[in-house]
């Protein structure tokens, strides 16, 4: 999968931070995750809003031990959207260096289409508490929404920049 970007604190203009990563992969906790740009029959994509932290994101999440990327994505989409999907293509990879959490995260993004009708999602307590809700918008509208939005949290800034990069890659 093509590496699209390495994302550092300096890329997000986080004030009071060093211009380079303090550890740059040394002593970082490593996490792999999957994301998807999911299209419905109207050619709209799923855009998740986390109202508690005021940011938008693509469906997806962490890959659990022993899980393939595809299995993790199917599980996450079922949990967050209550639907199944068919993967159709790759978008790319983004590596995030979140110094504050000593985290280096590899996020792999795919293109998918809804395969079944939506049912009730099976949200985690954290997702409920964060105010997770899903809307369906055009690709161009999703980009506009994310460009105008200003996340309020450290994590939200990384997530939104990462997922906006994925959306713009697909829109090229």
Protein backbone atom coordinates (compact mmCIF):
# COMPACT_ATOMS: atom_id res chain seq x y z
CA UNK A 1 0.00 0.00 0.00
CA UNK A 2 1.32 3.45 -0.94
CA UNK A 3 2.58 5.68 1.87
CA UNK A 4 0.71 8.97 1.46
CA UNK A 5 2.03 10.95 4.41
CA UNK A 6 3.86 10.91 7.72
CA UNK A 7 1.96 13.13 10.14
CA UNK A 8 3.77 14.95 12.97
CA UNK A 9 2.70 17.49 15.58
CA UNK A 10 4.41 20.25 13.58
CA UNK A 11 2.08 19.49 10.65
CA UNK A 12 -0.88 20.36 12.86
CA UNK A 13 0.62 23.62 14.17
CA UNK A 14 0.26 22.41 17.72
CA UNK A 15 1.52 25.35 19.79
CA UNK A 16 4.35 24.92 22.24
CA UNK A 17 5.56 21.73 20.59
CA UNK A 18 9.01 20.97 19.19
CA UNK A 19 9.31 21.26 15.43
CA UNK A 20 10.40 17.64 15.23
CA UNK A 21 9.18 14.53 16.96
CA UNK A 22 10.88 14.06 20.31
CA UNK A 23 11.22 10.32 19.81
CA UNK A 24 10.55 9.75 16.09
CA UNK A 25 9.71 6.07 16.39
CA UNK A 26 12.07 5.39 19.29
CA UNK A 27 10.14 4.11 22.34
CA UNK A 28 6.81 4.68 20.63
CA UNK A 29 3.90 2.32 21.16
CA UNK A 30 2.98 0.85 17.74
CA UNK A 31 -0.64 0.53 16.62
CA UNK A 32 -2.14 -0.59 13.31
CA UNK A 33 -5.58 0.56 12.24
CA UNK A 34 -7.87 0.44 9.22
CA UNK A 35 -10.21 3.05 7.76
CA UNK A 36 -12.65 3.05 4.87
CA UNK A 37 -14.25 5.50 2.52
CA UNK A 38 -17.61 3.74 2.23
CA UNK A 39 -20.04 4.54 -0.57
CA UNK A 40 -23.78 3.85 -0.48
CA UNK A 41 -26.05 3.40 -3.53
CA UNK A 42 -26.39 7.20 -3.90
CA UNK A 43 -22.59 7.53 -4.15
CA UNK A 44 -22.50 9.27 -0.76
CA UNK A 45 -19.85 8.41 1.81
CA UNK A 46 -20.18 7.68 5.52
CA UNK A 47 -18.81 10.53 7.63
CA UNK A 48 -18.72 10.07 11.39
CA UNK A 49 -19.08 13.07 13.68
CA UNK A 50 -17.68 12.87 17.20
CA UNK A 51 -19.68 15.71 18.74
CA UNK A 52 -18.04 15.45 22.17
CA UNK A 53 -14.59 16.28 20.79
CA UNK A 54 -15.85 18.21 17.74
CA UNK A 55 -14.18 16.34 14.89
CA UNK A 56 -15.12 14.24 11.88
CA UNK A 57 -13.63 10.90 10.87
CA UNK A 58 -13.96 7.92 8.57
CA UNK A 59 -15.30 4.60 9.84
CA UNK A 60 -12.64 2.24 11.16
CA UNK A 61 -10.42 1.48 14.11
CA UNK A 62 -7.66 -0.62 15.55
CA UNK A 63 -6.61 -4.04 14.34
CA UNK A 64 -6.83 -6.57 17.17
CA UNK A 65 -4.27 -9.32 17.77
CA UNK A 66 -4.62 -12.11 15.22
CA UNK A 67 -6.98 -10.11 12.98
CA UNK A 68 -6.35 -9.40 9.32
CA UNK A 69 -6.82 -5.84 8.08
CA UNK A 70 -9.91 -6.89 6.15
CA UNK A 71 -11.47 -8.67 9.17
CA UNK A 72 -10.77 -5.66 11.39
CA UNK A 73 -12.40 -3.31 8.91
CA UNK A 74 -15.49 -5.50 8.59
CA UNK A 75 -15.79 -5.66 12.40
CA UNK A 76 -15.34 -1.90 12.85
CA UNK A 77 -17.85 -1.02 10.10
CA UNK A 78 -20.43 -3.39 11.57
CA UNK A 79 -19.91 -1.86 15.04
CA UNK A 80 -19.94 1.79 13.93
CA UNK A 81 -22.42 1.72 11.03
CA UNK A 82 -24.38 -1.48 11.50
CA UNK A 83 -23.70 -2.63 7.95
CA UNK A 84 -21.42 -4.89 5.96
CA UNK A 85 -19.19 -3.71 3.12
CA UNK A 86 -17.29 -5.00 0.14
CA UNK A 87 -13.74 -3.68 -0.22
CA UNK A 88 -13.09 -2.44 -3.75
CA UNK A 89 -9.68 -0.73 -3.68
CA UNK A 90 -6.88 0.76 -1.60
CA UNK A 91 -6.42 4.47 -0.87
CA UNK A 92 -3.11 4.43 0.99
CA UNK A 93 -1.24 4.49 4.29
CA UNK A 94 -0.58 7.33 6.75
CA UNK A 95 1.85 7.06 9.64
CA UNK A 96 1.10 9.27 12.65
CA UNK A 97 3.64 10.21 15.32
CA UNK A 98 1.64 11.32 18.35
CA UNK A 99 4.37 12.39 20.78
CA UNK A 100 1.94 13.22 23.57
CA UNK A 101 0.83 9.59 23.71
CA UNK A 102 4.13 8.04 22.56
CA UNK A 103 2.14 6.47 19.75
CA UNK A 104 3.18 5.62 16.21
CA UNK A 105 0.08 4.57 14.30
CA UNK A 106 -0.12 3.04 10.84
CA UNK A 107 -3.57 3.72 9.32
CA UNK A 108 -4.44 1.79 6.18
CA UNK A 109 -7.37 3.15 4.16
CA UNK A 110 -9.60 1.33 1.70
CA UNK A 111 -12.51 2.12 -0.58
CA UNK A 112 -15.63 0.08 0.06
CA UNK A 113 -19.28 -0.07 -0.88
CA UNK A 114 -22.19 -0.89 1.39
CA UNK A 115 -23.18 -4.49 0.94
CA UNK A 116 -26.21 -4.68 3.25
CA UNK A 117 -28.86 -2.39 4.69
CA UNK A 118 -27.91 -0.45 7.80
CA UNK A 119 -29.05 -1.81 11.14
CA UNK A 120 -28.40 -0.51 14.63
CA UNK A 121 -24.69 0.03 15.23
CA UNK A 122 -23.04 -1.63 18.23
CA UNK A 123 -21.18 1.35 19.66
CA UNK A 124 -18.67 1.06 22.49
CA UNK A 125 -19.10 3.06 25.70
CA UNK A 126 -16.36 5.42 24.49
CA UNK A 127 -18.18 5.98 21.18
CA UNK A 128 -21.48 6.65 22.97
CA UNK A 129 -19.77 9.07 25.36
CA UNK A 130 -18.04 10.81 22.43
CA UNK A 131 -21.37 11.45 20.71
CA UNK A 132 -20.71 9.31 17.63
CA UNK A 133 -23.21 9.88 14.84
CA UNK A 134 -23.01 9.08 11.13
CA UNK A 135 -24.12 11.13 8.16
CA UNK A 136 -23.96 10.42 4.44
CA UNK A 137 -22.59 13.15 2.16
CA UNK A 138 -20.84 13.47 -1.19
CA UNK A 139 -17.06 13.12 -1.26
CA UNK A 140 -16.68 16.82 -2.07
CA UNK A 141 -19.03 17.81 0.77
CA UNK A 142 -17.11 15.61 3.23
CA UNK A 143 -13.90 17.41 2.27
CA UNK A 144 -15.57 20.83 2.72
CA UNK A 145 -16.97 19.85 6.12
CA UNK A 146 -13.60 18.63 7.36
CA UNK A 147 -11.70 21.64 5.98
CA UNK A 148 -14.01 24.06 7.81
CA UNK A 149 -14.09 22.13 11.09
CA UNK A 150 -11.58 22.86 13.86
CA UNK A 151 -11.12 19.90 16.22
CA UNK A 152 -10.80 20.81 19.90
CA UNK A 153 -8.54 17.97 21.03
CA UNK A 154 -5.04 16.73 20.32
CA UNK A 155 -6.33 13.37 19.07
CA UNK A 156 -9.09 15.01 17.04
CA UNK A 157 -6.56 17.15 15.19
CA UNK A 158 -4.58 14.07 14.14
CA UNK A 159 -7.66 12.06 13.18
CA UNK A 160 -9.21 14.79 11.09
CA UNK A 161 -5.96 15.65 9.25
CA UNK A 162 -5.33 11.95 8.55
CA UNK A 163 -8.81 11.28 7.22
CA UNK A 164 -8.95 14.52 5.23
CA UNK A 165 -5.73 13.42 3.52
CA UNK A 166 -7.38 10.09 2.60
CA UNK A 167 -10.44 11.88 1.18
CA UNK A 168 -8.32 14.30 -0.87
CA UNK A 169 -6.25 11.40 -2.22
CA UNK A 170 -9.41 9.77 -3.53
CA UNK A 171 -10.68 13.07 -4.95
CA UNK A 172 -7.51 13.65 -7.04
